[in-house]
Amino acid sequence: MLIKEYRICMPLTTEEYRVGQLYTISKHSHQESEKGEGVEVVKNEPHEDPVHGPGQFTEKRVHLSSKLPSWARAVTPRIFYITEKAWNYYPYTITADGCFLQCSFLPKFSIYIETKYEDNCGDSENIFRSDKILGDHEVSFLDIAFDEIPERYYRSLEDPRFFSSAKTGRGPLREGWRQHTKPIMCSYKLVSVKFEVWGLQTRVEQFVHKVIRDILLIGHRQAFAWVDEWCGMTMEEVRCYERETQEATNELIGLVAPTISVSEVGQPTATHSAPASAPSTPLSDEAPDFLAPPKTRPRKKSAPETLTLPALRERAGAE
């Protein structure tokens, strides 16, 4: 198992980022989806935890066969996806990704992420109290303005070094911005990657951490660059945008969209705790039934390439 802690600062407050995060994830997921591949939302519903209190549970399937590197595609079947389960008790979240290769000779691997958000510049030490359970691990500060991202994901309009918010007056971000910018918050993410295949373990775990690093940088850059789109939205409005965008994304992928219930925290149908530690990854000959490849289903008409809140509401009203 390879464990790293990432700290990503943002020129926002934690309350602002709560809305911005939901908006960004929904918009980005739709933009990155296409026929047969993308982020399929299976569940999005209120959840109650005896320790962390009320929150939101989501389950997604990330279909990404063509996005794997060539060495991974060589041992991976065509129908391949990652199941992501997340428990959001903002400002604390848990994400567990169970990745199952549909081959009898390969076991699953797991990604387990704990996240805490605080209004500071990333100077909280041992925020996860990990010394008692995990031992030493690497801590990496990611700079949304000056750390490099893969060239194919670079967008000049999303570059924090050049972006300036019309609504908030924040940006562009200059060298040393974390030391003098107000407001400022930090996403602390403790990431555990585990892959139990002899000869491939180190390579896969290091590769997955690199992918996660890039995803974190891209996502946080977009949340800031899109601030004028989501700034001022209420939680009710962003949940509405999230629901409508998720349904359109499922339609775009070409899968039969399940009934998605996206709402503010309420009475859950069942109460049970999220996992307390990284899930174990025992060897298994077969994937669980709920992760079996989706059956062939009729394709639906593609959703538009980009979605905005007004456009989604107009579409809903027309129906």
Protein backbone atom coordinates (compact mmCIF):
# COMPACT_ATOMS: atom_id res chain seq x y z
CA MET A 1 0.00 0.00 0.00
CA LEU A 2 1.25 3.47 -0.93
CA ILE A 3 -0.01 6.34 1.25
CA LYS A 4 0.40 10.03 0.54
CA GLU A 5 -1.16 13.20 1.94
CA TYR A 6 -1.96 16.05 -0.43
CA ARG A 7 -2.66 19.62 0.66
CA ILE A 8 -4.28 21.96 -1.88
CA CYS A 9 -4.95 25.59 -0.98
CA MET A 10 -7.67 27.71 -2.59
CA PRO A 11 -8.45 31.47 -2.49
CA LEU A 12 -11.89 30.66 -1.08
CA THR A 13 -13.58 29.94 2.24
CA THR A 14 -14.62 26.40 3.14
CA GLU A 15 -18.27 27.46 2.95
CA GLU A 16 -17.78 28.84 -0.56
CA TYR A 17 -15.95 25.71 -1.66
CA ARG A 18 -18.82 23.53 -0.46
CA VAL A 19 -20.95 24.89 -3.32
CA GLY A 20 -18.07 25.22 -5.75
CA GLN A 21 -17.02 21.61 -5.28
CA LEU A 22 -20.48 20.21 -6.10
CA TYR A 23 -20.83 22.47 -9.14
CA THR A 24 -17.35 21.67 -10.44
CA ILE A 25 -17.65 17.90 -10.07
CA SER A 26 -20.97 17.86 -11.92
CA LYS A 27 -19.85 20.12 -14.77
CA HIS A 28 -16.47 18.42 -15.18
CA SER A 29 -18.01 14.93 -15.17
CA HIS A 30 -20.36 15.95 -17.98
CA GLN A 31 -17.60 17.54 -20.04
CA GLU A 32 -15.42 14.44 -19.76
CA SER A 33 -18.20 12.00 -20.69
CA GLU A 34 -19.07 10.65 -24.12
CA LYS A 35 -20.74 7.64 -25.73
CA GLY A 36 -19.85 4.58 -23.70
CA GLU A 37 -17.42 6.32 -21.36
CA GLY A 38 -17.65 8.80 -18.52
CA VAL A 39 -19.10 9.12 -15.04
CA GLU A 40 -22.37 7.26 -14.46
CA VAL A 41 -24.18 8.28 -11.26
CA VAL A 42 -25.92 5.32 -9.62
CA LYS A 43 -26.94 6.84 -6.27
CA ASN A 44 -26.99 10.28 -4.70
CA GLU A 45 -28.93 10.36 -1.46
CA PRO A 46 -28.91 11.63 2.14
CA HIS A 47 -26.96 9.57 4.65
CA GLU A 48 -26.67 9.69 8.44
CA ASP A 49 -23.52 8.68 10.29
CA PRO A 50 -23.48 8.13 14.08
CA VAL A 51 -20.10 9.89 14.37
CA HIS A 52 -20.07 12.52 11.62
CA GLY A 53 -23.79 13.29 11.54
CA PRO A 54 -25.90 14.07 8.44
CA GLY A 55 -24.29 13.90 5.02
CA GLN A 56 -24.69 12.75 1.44
CA PHE A 57 -23.85 9.35 -0.06
CA THR A 58 -23.00 8.96 -3.75
CA GLU A 59 -22.14 5.91 -5.83
CA LYS A 60 -20.67 6.33 -9.32
CA ARG A 61 -19.26 4.14 -12.05
CA VAL A 62 -16.36 5.66 -13.94
CA HIS A 63 -16.13 4.04 -17.39
CA LEU A 64 -12.63 4.72 -18.73
CA SER A 65 -11.22 1.85 -20.80
CA SER A 66 -9.78 4.05 -23.57
CA LYS A 67 -8.12 6.39 -21.06
CA LEU A 68 -5.89 3.69 -19.59
CA PRO A 69 -2.20 3.58 -20.54
CA SER A 70 -1.21 1.00 -23.15
CA TRP A 71 0.41 -1.34 -20.63
CA ALA A 72 -2.80 -1.40 -18.58
CA ARG A 73 -5.07 -1.91 -21.61
CA ALA A 74 -3.01 -4.98 -22.52
CA VAL A 75 -4.28 -6.82 -19.42
CA THR A 76 -7.66 -5.14 -19.07
CA PRO A 77 -10.91 -6.25 -20.71
CA ARG A 78 -12.81 -3.85 -22.93
CA ILE A 79 -15.66 -3.46 -20.43
CA PHE A 80 -13.96 -1.84 -17.49
CA TYR A 81 -15.02 0.67 -14.87
CA ILE A 82 -14.24 1.89 -11.39
CA THR A 83 -16.94 2.01 -8.76
CA GLU A 84 -16.62 5.05 -6.51
CA LYS A 85 -18.49 5.37 -3.22
CA ALA A 86 -18.31 8.62 -1.28
CA TRP A 87 -19.69 9.77 2.06
CA ASN A 88 -19.76 13.57 2.29
CA TYR A 89 -20.05 15.00 5.80
CA TYR A 90 -18.64 18.36 4.80
CA PRO A 91 -16.09 19.56 5.86
CA TYR A 92 -15.09 15.88 6.18
CA THR A 93 -15.49 13.31 3.40
CA ILE A 94 -14.59 9.68 2.74
CA THR A 95 -14.15 8.25 -0.75
CA ALA A 96 -13.56 4.55 -1.44
CA ASP A 97 -12.92 3.40 -5.00
CA GLY A 98 -13.13 -0.32 -5.65
CA CYS A 99 -11.62 -1.06 -9.03
CA PHE A 100 -12.52 -4.50 -10.36
CA LEU A 101 -10.93 -5.90 -13.50
CA GLN A 102 -13.29 -8.39 -15.08
CA CYS A 103 -10.60 -11.07 -15.39
CA SER A 104 -10.48 -14.15 -13.18
CA PHE A 105 -6.71 -13.96 -12.77
CA LEU A 106 -6.55 -10.35 -11.48
CA PRO A 107 -7.64 -9.21 -8.02
CA LYS A 108 -9.22 -5.86 -7.29
CA PHE A 109 -7.32 -2.84 -6.07
CA SER A 110 -8.63 -0.10 -3.83
CA ILE A 111 -8.27 3.64 -3.43
CA TYR A 112 -9.29 5.13 -0.11
CA ILE A 113 -9.37 8.91 0.40
CA GLU A 114 -10.11 10.87 3.55
CA THR A 115 -10.59 14.61 3.14
CA LYS A 116 -10.80 17.48 5.59
CA TYR A 117 -11.32 21.13 4.71
CA GLU A 118 -10.08 23.98 6.92
CA ASP A 119 -9.80 27.76 6.62
CA ASN A 120 -6.00 27.96 6.68
CA CYS A 121 -2.99 27.79 4.36
CA GLY A 122 -2.28 24.09 4.92
CA ASP A 123 -0.34 24.43 8.15
CA SER A 124 -2.39 22.01 10.28
CA GLU A 125 -0.05 19.18 11.27
CA ASN A 126 -1.19 15.59 11.65
CA ILE A 127 -4.78 16.54 10.86
CA PHE A 128 -5.72 12.86 10.38
CA ARG A 129 -3.86 11.65 13.51
CA SER A 130 -2.30 9.13 11.15
CA ASP A 131 0.80 8.46 13.24
CA LYS A 132 -1.16 5.98 15.35
CA ILE A 133 -2.50 3.93 12.46
CA LEU A 134 -0.43 4.55 9.34
CA GLY A 135 3.08 5.52 10.39
CA ASP A 136 5.08 8.00 8.33
CA HIS A 137 3.74 9.10 4.96
CA GLU A 138 4.72 11.67 2.37
CA VAL A 139 3.07 15.10 2.51
CA SER A 140 2.85 17.03 -0.78
CA PHE A 141 1.67 20.62 -1.20
CA LEU A 142 -0.04 21.11 -4.56
CA ASP A 143 -0.08 24.64 -5.98
CA ILE A 144 -3.08 25.22 -8.26
CA ALA A 145 -1.31 28.13 -9.96
CA PHE A 146 2.26 26.97 -10.46
CA ASP A 147 2.31 23.15 -10.43
CA GLU A 148 2.22 21.65 -13.91
CA ILE A 149 -0.70 19.61 -15.22
CA PRO A 150 -0.74 17.37 -18.32
CA GLU A 151 -0.66 19.56 -21.44
CA ARG A 152 -3.81 18.00 -22.88
CA TYR A 153 -5.81 19.32 -19.90
CA TYR A 154 -4.40 22.84 -19.94
CA ARG A 155 -6.86 25.65 -20.66
CA SER A 156 -5.62 29.24 -20.60
CA LEU A 157 -9.02 30.44 -19.33
CA GLU A 158 -8.63 28.09 -16.35
CA ASP A 159 -5.08 29.15 -15.51
CA PRO A 160 -5.10 30.79 -12.02
CA ARG A 161 -2.02 32.83 -13.01
CA PHE A 162 -4.17 34.75 -15.51
CA PHE A 163 -7.76 34.31 -14.31
CA SER A 164 -9.45 37.19 -12.50
CA SER A 165 -12.93 36.81 -11.00
CA ALA A 166 -15.38 39.54 -11.97
CA LYS A 167 -17.70 38.74 -9.04
CA THR A 168 -15.18 38.28 -6.23
CA GLY A 169 -12.21 40.31 -7.45
CA ARG A 170 -9.85 37.42 -6.67
CA GLY A 171 -6.94 36.49 -8.90
CA PRO A 172 -4.70 36.35 -10.77
CA LEU A 173 -2.54 34.33 -8.37
CA ARG A 174 1.09 35.40 -8.13
CA GLU A 175 4.20 33.70 -6.75
CA GLY A 176 3.82 33.20 -3.00
CA TRP A 177 0.06 33.74 -3.13
CA ARG A 178 -0.61 31.22 -0.36
CA GLN A 179 1.26 33.38 2.18
CA HIS A 180 -0.67 36.62 1.60
CA THR A 181 -4.03 35.70 0.00
CA LYS A 182 -7.26 36.18 2.00
CA PRO A 183 -9.55 34.32 2.22
CA ILE A 184 -7.74 31.02 1.97
CA MET A 185 -8.69 27.41 2.68
CA CYS A 186 -7.01 24.05 2.31
CA SER A 187 -8.16 20.61 1.19
CA TYR A 188 -6.27 17.97 3.17
CA LYS A 189 -6.45 14.59 1.42
CA LEU A 190 -5.02 11.36 2.81
CA VAL A 191 -4.84 8.93 -0.13
CA SER A 192 -4.19 5.18 0.23
CA VAL A 193 -3.68 3.11 -2.93
CA LYS A 194 -3.46 -0.67 -2.73
CA PHE A 195 -2.91 -3.16 -5.58
CA GLU A 196 -2.08 -6.76 -4.79
CA VAL A 197 -0.42 -8.16 -7.89
CA TRP A 198 3.17 -9.30 -7.53
CA GLY A 199 5.44 -7.58 -10.01
CA LEU A 200 2.93 -4.79 -10.76
CA GLN A 201 2.13 -3.45 -7.30
CA THR A 202 4.68 -0.63 -7.13
CA ARG A 203 4.16 0.45 -10.73
CA VAL A 204 0.38 0.56 -10.47
CA GLU A 205 0.29 2.28 -7.08
CA GLN A 206 2.72 4.98 -8.23
CA PHE A 207 0.79 5.45 -11.49
CA VAL A 208 -2.53 5.81 -9.65
CA HIS A 209 -1.05 8.41 -7.28
CA LYS A 210 0.18 10.41 -10.26
CA VAL A 211 -3.30 10.29 -11.81
CA ILE A 212 -4.87 11.36 -8.50
CA ARG A 213 -2.41 14.25 -8.19
CA ASP A 214 -3.34 15.49 -11.68
CA ILE A 215 -7.07 15.11 -10.99
CA LEU A 216 -6.80 17.08 -7.75
CA LEU A 217 -4.91 19.91 -9.43
CA ILE A 218 -7.29 20.09 -12.39
CA GLY A 219 -10.41 19.94 -10.22
CA HIS A 220 -9.27 22.65 -7.82
CA ARG A 221 -8.09 24.90 -10.68
CA GLN A 222 -11.50 24.59 -12.34
CA ALA A 223 -13.38 25.28 -9.10
CA PHE A 224 -11.57 28.62 -8.86
CA ALA A 225 -11.72 29.44 -12.59
CA TRP A 226 -15.48 28.75 -12.64
CA VAL A 227 -16.17 30.75 -9.46
CA ASP A 228 -18.22 33.36 -11.33
CA GLU A 229 -20.54 30.58 -12.54
CA TRP A 230 -21.35 29.17 -9.09
CA CYS A 231 -20.70 32.13 -6.78
CA GLY A 232 -23.98 33.14 -5.10
CA MET A 233 -25.73 29.81 -5.70
CA THR A 234 -27.57 28.34 -2.72
CA MET A 235 -27.21 24.70 -1.72
CA GLU A 236 -30.71 24.08 -3.07
CA GLU A 237 -29.75 25.56 -6.45
CA VAL A 238 -26.48 23.64 -6.72
CA ARG A 239 -28.23 20.39 -5.78
CA CYS A 240 -30.76 21.04 -8.54
CA TYR A 241 -27.93 21.69 -11.01
CA GLU A 242 -26.17 18.54 -9.78
CA ARG A 243 -29.25 16.35 -10.28
CA GLU A 244 -30.07 17.66 -13.75
CA THR A 245 -26.46 17.49 -14.93
CA GLN A 246 -26.02 13.94 -13.63
CA GLU A 247 -29.13 12.76 -15.45
CA ALA A 248 -27.93 14.41 -18.67
CA THR A 249 -24.49 12.83 -18.23
CA ASN A 250 -25.96 9.34 -17.78
CA GLU A 251 -27.96 9.92 -20.95
CA LEU A 252 -24.85 11.09 -22.81
CA ILE A 253 -22.88 7.98 -21.86
CA GLY A 254 -25.67 5.92 -23.40
CA LEU A 255 -26.79 4.02 -20.31
CA VAL A 256 -30.29 3.80 -18.93
CA ALA A 257 -30.21 6.45 -16.25
CA PRO A 258 -31.29 5.22 -12.82
CA THR A 259 -33.61 7.32 -10.72
CA ILE A 260 -31.26 9.78 -9.05
CA SER A 261 -32.44 11.45 -5.89
CA VAL A 262 -30.29 14.48 -5.13
CA SER A 263 -31.50 16.45 -2.16
CA GLU A 264 -30.29 18.21 0.91
CA VAL A 265 -29.67 16.03 3.94
CA GLY A 266 -32.88 14.56 5.32
CA GLN A 267 -34.11 11.34 6.86
CA PRO A 268 -32.20 8.46 5.24
CA THR A 269 -33.88 5.16 4.60
CA ALA A 270 -31.20 3.37 6.57
CA THR A 271 -28.52 4.35 9.06
CA HIS A 272 -25.10 2.82 9.03
CA SER A 273 -21.57 4.06 9.40
CA ALA A 274 -19.15 4.72 6.59
CA PRO A 275 -15.98 2.67 6.68
CA ALA A 276 -13.62 3.58 9.53
CA SER A 277 -10.47 2.68 7.65
CA ALA A 278 -9.26 1.71 4.21
CA PRO A 279 -11.21 -1.29 2.88
CA SER A 280 -9.34 -4.56 2.68
CA THR A 281 -8.60 -6.00 -0.75
CA PRO A 282 -8.72 -9.79 -0.53
CA LEU A 283 -8.13 -11.85 -3.64
CA SER A 284 -11.30 -12.77 -5.42
CA ASP A 285 -12.04 -14.90 -8.47
CA GLU A 286 -15.11 -12.89 -9.39
CA ALA A 287 -16.33 -9.35 -8.94
CA PRO A 288 -19.44 -8.80 -6.76
CA ASP A 289 -22.79 -8.94 -8.56
CA PHE A 290 -23.40 -5.23 -8.15
CA LEU A 291 -20.23 -4.50 -10.11
CA ALA A 292 -20.97 -6.80 -13.03
CA PRO A 293 -20.66 -5.12 -16.46
CA PRO A 294 -23.87 -3.38 -17.51
CA LYS A 295 -26.00 -5.29 -19.99
CA THR A 296 -26.41 -4.06 -23.52
CA ARG A 297 -29.02 -1.35 -23.48
CA PRO A 298 -30.52 0.90 -26.17
CA ARG A 299 -28.67 4.15 -26.69
CA LYS A 300 -30.43 7.38 -25.88
CA LYS A 301 -30.11 10.66 -27.67
CA SER A 302 -26.97 12.49 -26.60
CA ALA A 303 -27.21 15.37 -24.18
CA PRO A 304 -25.69 18.74 -25.18
CA GLU A 305 -21.93 19.06 -24.84
CA THR A 306 -22.12 21.81 -22.23
CA LEU A 307 -24.80 22.48 -19.70
CA THR A 308 -25.71 25.57 -17.73
CA LEU A 309 -28.24 25.90 -14.96
CA PRO A 310 -30.67 28.07 -17.01
CA ALA A 311 -30.49 25.69 -19.98
CA LEU A 312 -31.26 22.70 -17.84
CA ARG A 313 -34.23 24.42 -16.26
CA GLU A 314 -35.60 25.43 -19.68
CA ARG A 315 -35.29 21.83 -20.85
CA ALA A 316 -37.10 20.59 -17.76
CA GLY A 317 -39.88 23.17 -18.22
CA ALA A 318 -40.38 22.19 -21.84
CA GLU A 319 -40.92 18.56 -20.85
